Amino acid sequence: MISLRDSFLRTLDGDADTVPMFLRDMTLCMDLADVDTTAVISEGRFDAELSARCIASFADLTGQDAVTGCCHSPAFIIEQFGGRMKYPVRGITAPLTHPLSGMTDFSGLDPEPKGMALEAIRSYCIVRGMTDAAVVANVTGPLTKAGVLAGIENVSMMIQSDPDVLNRLISFCLENTECVVERMTADGSIDAGLLAAATDNPDLFGDDVLREVCVPWTRRFCRTFLRRGLPCIWHPHGDMFSEGRDLGPEVIDTGCTCFHFAEGCDLAVLRRSLGGRVPLMGGTDIVPTLMTGDTEAVVSETERFLFSLEGVPYVFSASCSLHRGVPLRGVKAMTDAVRQLNSGRV
């Protein structure tokens, strides 16, 4: 019997025999462990050991084949570069100020991870020793990371009026990502990377920006993992696959190893465009299905993805990352449905 890690990595390499699970848990595990957000992360402080225990407890509940290595927060880069965060006791952390807002020269900034970013990397190392699942580095895509550091409104203005500044900002973002990934791979903590790219999104900025900015920079972010022999998953948002709209060539052009499609995707168009060309990842919508749907609705939607993508290399996931407040009952129904399908295929 192959290990959880090998099942996941084999699918990313093109195997279609089973459907491994990777639920990109960012903070939901803290609900399962019943701990305050501020016990894991607060201003200037991140508890790597508690983070790792939360991640491991969620992996045990779901039986998933791959995990992220820590409870994630934009604080890791916001605070390092001088911004401020909101730390709700039982909620999700959020930026209060964007540290690079208004800057045009980033050459004096040190891209090496510091402070709680180093503790987050240490959580990955601890998780590696706690599970036989694959460990996936969750890093941020080019426009998305630029928006975290400078504010998405400022990024939008740069796209229109100052693309040179935007490119310098994204170049710095890439330097920081390179440094983070270098540390994660130095001790063998990770098996793959995922570019979380919610605002690398054609619905926000248009297809031309996707082609001219997102795709070329994403290719470079992907290479951060690929040249180290690690697969890289790309997860943009927006309507990329629907009747009359097929951005499959753009996906292939990034060089990503796997494409994590977002909510609202037309599965027939997606399969026709990318099925067999690059492994796929995605699944049940968080809103509304997991948030408000009953068990029957969750199972029905989960099965729709499983059967629609049968026969192509496919990793089951939710439509995006999982955070505090998503009902664990629905998550359990979703993962049970995936395991049941796989047991029937063996």
Foldseek 3Di string as FASTA:
>chain_A
DDALAVVVVVLLVWDQLAAFAEAAAQAALCVVVVFWQVVQDDVLDGDLVVQLVSFLVVCVLQVGQEYAQGNDALCQVQVVLPFDWDGDGHFHIDTPDANCAPDQDCVPDDLAGDGVLVSSLVSLVVNLVRGRHFYEYEDAAQLRNLCNRHNNVSLLVCVVPNVPSSVNSSVSSLVNLLNSVCSNPVVPSGQAYEHAAAPCECVVVHPVCNQPPRQVRLLSSQVSQVVVVHAYEYEYAYAQADVVHHPLVSVVSSVHSEYEYAPPHDLVRVCVRCFSPHEYEEFAELPPPQQDNDLVSLLVRLVVVCVSNRPGSYHYYYRHHDHHRRDVVSVSSNSVSSVVVSVVSD
